[in-house]
Amino acid sequence: MDVDRGIRVAVDTGSVTLGSDKSIQALKLGKGKLVIIADNCPRDIKEDIEHYSKLSEIPVYTYEGTSVELGSVCGRPYTVAALIIKDPGDSTILEIMG
């Protein structure tokens, strides 16, 4: 299973929070198993996510594509700079990243 398919299956069958603001909120609370950020995520948001992920010990994966591509992988008609996977559902995304 490749990364794109893993993300899509997690979005469809698991619990995923889309958006950088909500992802940062979840990181502050220590909720989540994996954070995915787009390659072109704004630097200040990326720094915040990396900071809070270190504090909560949640791994960060940089998606090799733009926020537009990440949005379409998630099946959304808008850009997604960051998302946090709370429950992967039927996805093997955590094993792919592990």
C-alpha atoms as a PDB file:
ATOM      1  CA  MET A   1       0.000   0.000   0.000  1.00  0.00           C
ATOM      2  CA  ASP A   2       1.486   3.337  -1.003  1.00  0.00           C
ATOM      3  CA  VAL A   3       1.319   6.553   1.002  1.00  0.00           C
ATOM      4  CA  ASP A   4      -1.496   8.150  -1.061  1.00  0.00           C
ATOM      5  CA  ARG A   5      -3.716   5.096  -0.702  1.00  0.00           C
ATOM      6  CA  GLY A   6      -2.849   4.777   2.993  1.00  0.00           C
ATOM      7  CA  ILE A   7      -3.900   8.372   3.630  1.00  0.00           C
ATOM      8  CA  ARG A   8      -7.123   7.948   1.642  1.00  0.00           C
ATOM      9  CA  VAL A   9      -8.107   4.742   3.457  1.00  0.00           C
ATOM     10  CA  ALA A  10      -7.415   6.438   6.817  1.00  0.00           C
ATOM     11  CA  VAL A  11      -9.611   9.405   5.817  1.00  0.00           C
ATOM     12  CA  ASP A  12     -12.417   7.089   4.654  1.00  0.00           C
ATOM     13  CA  THR A  13     -12.366   4.470   7.443  1.00  0.00           C
ATOM     14  CA  GLY A  14     -10.597   6.050  10.407  1.00  0.00           C
ATOM     15  CA  SER A  15     -10.575   9.278  12.367  1.00  0.00           C
ATOM     16  CA  VAL A  16      -8.601  12.072  10.692  1.00  0.00           C
ATOM     17  CA  THR A  17      -8.545  15.795  11.448  1.00  0.00           C
ATOM     18  CA  LEU A  18      -7.859  17.979   8.418  1.00  0.00           C
ATOM     19  CA  GLY A  19      -6.352  21.453   8.597  1.00  0.00           C
ATOM     20  CA  SER A  20      -3.285  22.945  10.226  1.00  0.00           C
ATOM     21  CA  ASP A  21      -5.099  24.823  13.030  1.00  0.00           C
ATOM     22  CA  LYS A  22      -7.065  21.772  14.158  1.00  0.00           C
ATOM     23  CA  SER A  23      -3.980  19.558  13.790  1.00  0.00           C
ATOM     24  CA  ILE A  24      -1.983  21.880  16.064  1.00  0.00           C
ATOM     25  CA  GLN A  25      -4.847  21.876  18.615  1.00  0.00           C
ATOM     26  CA  ALA A  26      -4.861  18.055  18.590  1.00  0.00           C
ATOM     27  CA  LEU A  27      -1.057  17.985  19.006  1.00  0.00           C
ATOM     28  CA  LYS A  28      -1.287  20.311  22.027  1.00  0.00           C
ATOM     29  CA  LEU A  29      -3.704  17.815  23.588  1.00  0.00           C
ATOM     30  CA  GLY A  30      -1.493  14.863  22.615  1.00  0.00           C
ATOM     31  CA  LYS A  31      -4.247  13.336  20.500  1.00  0.00           C
ATOM     32  CA  GLY A  32      -3.173  11.525  17.378  1.00  0.00           C
ATOM     33  CA  LYS A  33      -0.810   8.895  16.086  1.00  0.00           C
ATOM     34  CA  LEU A  34       0.716  10.582  13.038  1.00  0.00           C
ATOM     35  CA  VAL A  35       0.859  14.096  11.585  1.00  0.00           C
ATOM     36  CA  ILE A  36       1.182  14.567   7.837  1.00  0.00           C
ATOM     37  CA  ILE A  37       2.175  17.940   6.419  1.00  0.00           C
ATOM     38  CA  ALA A  38       2.329  18.979   2.783  1.00  0.00           C
ATOM     39  CA  ASP A  39       5.727  19.741   1.267  1.00  0.00           C
ATOM     40  CA  ASN A  40       4.682  23.372   0.695  1.00  0.00           C
ATOM     41  CA  CYS A  41       3.202  23.894   4.164  1.00  0.00           C
ATOM     42  CA  PRO A  42       3.954  27.462   5.348  1.00  0.00           C
ATOM     43  CA  ARG A  43       7.140  27.590   7.427  1.00  0.00           C
ATOM     44  CA  ASP A  44       5.543  29.064  10.574  1.00  0.00           C
ATOM     45  CA  ILE A  45       2.864  26.346  10.621  1.00  0.00           C
ATOM     46  CA  LYS A  46       5.477  23.661   9.939  1.00  0.00           C
ATOM     47  CA  GLU A  47       7.599  24.914  12.850  1.00  0.00           C
ATOM     48  CA  ASP A  48       4.574  24.923  15.192  1.00  0.00           C
ATOM     49  CA  ILE A  49       3.629  21.386  14.170  1.00  0.00           C
ATOM     50  CA  GLU A  50       7.192  20.112  14.597  1.00  0.00           C
ATOM     51  CA  HIS A  51       7.472  21.804  18.014  1.00  0.00           C
ATOM     52  CA  TYR A  52       4.230  20.382  19.413  1.00  0.00           C
ATOM     53  CA  SER A  53       4.809  16.959  17.863  1.00  0.00           C
ATOM     54  CA  LYS A  54       8.130  16.701  19.734  1.00  0.00           C
ATOM     55  CA  LEU A  55       6.396  17.608  22.994  1.00  0.00           C
ATOM     56  CA  SER A  56       3.645  15.030  22.458  1.00  0.00           C
ATOM     57  CA  GLU A  57       5.976  12.467  20.814  1.00  0.00           C
ATOM     58  CA  ILE A  58       3.769  12.119  17.733  1.00  0.00           C
ATOM     59  CA  PRO A  59       5.734  11.466  14.530  1.00  0.00           C
ATOM     60  CA  VAL A  60       5.608  13.925  11.616  1.00  0.00           C
ATOM     61  CA  TYR A  61       5.654  12.832   7.990  1.00  0.00           C
ATOM     62  CA  THR A  62       6.274  15.336   5.200  1.00  0.00           C
ATOM     63  CA  TYR A  63       4.082  14.452   2.228  1.00  0.00           C
ATOM     64  CA  GLU A  64       6.004  14.707  -1.042  1.00  0.00           C
ATOM     65  CA  GLY A  65       3.434  16.876  -2.763  1.00  0.00           C
ATOM     66  CA  THR A  66       1.650  20.199  -2.475  1.00  0.00           C
ATOM     67  CA  SER A  67      -1.290  21.007  -0.252  1.00  0.00           C
ATOM     68  CA  VAL A  68      -3.508  20.839  -3.365  1.00  0.00           C
ATOM     69  CA  GLU A  69      -2.333  17.263  -4.027  1.00  0.00           C
ATOM     70  CA  LEU A  70      -2.753  16.307  -0.365  1.00  0.00           C
ATOM     71  CA  GLY A  71      -6.285  17.707  -0.453  1.00  0.00           C
ATOM     72  CA  SER A  72      -7.175  15.625  -3.493  1.00  0.00           C
ATOM     73  CA  VAL A  73      -5.671  12.488  -1.899  1.00  0.00           C
ATOM     74  CA  CYS A  74      -8.007  13.137   1.050  1.00  0.00           C
ATOM     75  CA  GLY A  75     -10.912  13.457  -1.392  1.00  0.00           C
ATOM     76  CA  ARG A  76     -11.443  17.132  -0.625  1.00  0.00           C
ATOM     77  CA  PRO A  77     -11.889  19.953  -3.186  1.00  0.00           C
ATOM     78  CA  TYR A  78      -9.605  22.282  -1.214  1.00  0.00           C
ATOM     79  CA  THR A  79      -6.008  22.487  -0.044  1.00  0.00           C
ATOM     80  CA  VAL A  80      -4.886  20.546   3.033  1.00  0.00           C
ATOM     81  CA  ALA A  81      -1.584  21.791   4.468  1.00  0.00           C
ATOM     82  CA  ALA A  82      -1.684  19.407   7.433  1.00  0.00           C
ATOM     83  CA  LEU A  83      -3.695  16.550   8.864  1.00  0.00           C
ATOM     84  CA  ILE A  84      -3.490  14.393  11.935  1.00  0.00           C
ATOM     85  CA  ILE A  85      -4.442  10.727  12.024  1.00  0.00           C
ATOM     86  CA  LYS A  86      -6.173   9.886  15.298  1.00  0.00           C
ATOM     87  CA  ASP A  87      -7.308   6.413  14.242  1.00  0.00           C
ATOM     88  CA  PRO A  88      -6.021   4.832  11.010  1.00  0.00           C
ATOM     89  CA  GLY A  89      -9.111   2.638  10.550  1.00  0.00           C
ATOM     90  CA  ASP A  90      -8.412  -0.034   7.918  1.00  0.00           C
ATOM     91  CA  SER A  91      -5.310   1.833   6.716  1.00  0.00           C
ATOM     92  CA  THR A  92      -1.771   0.518   7.159  1.00  0.00           C
ATOM     93  CA  ILE A  93      -0.397   4.085   7.089  1.00  0.00           C
ATOM     94  CA  LEU A  94       1.217   3.736  10.542  1.00  0.00           C
ATOM     95  CA  GLU A  95       3.121   0.617   9.409  1.00  0.00           C
ATOM     96  CA  ILE A  96       4.201   2.361   6.186  1.00  0.00           C
ATOM     97  CA  MET A  97       5.592   5.270   8.222  1.00  0.00           C
ATOM     98  CA  GLY A  98       6.984   3.058  10.980  1.00  0.00           C
END
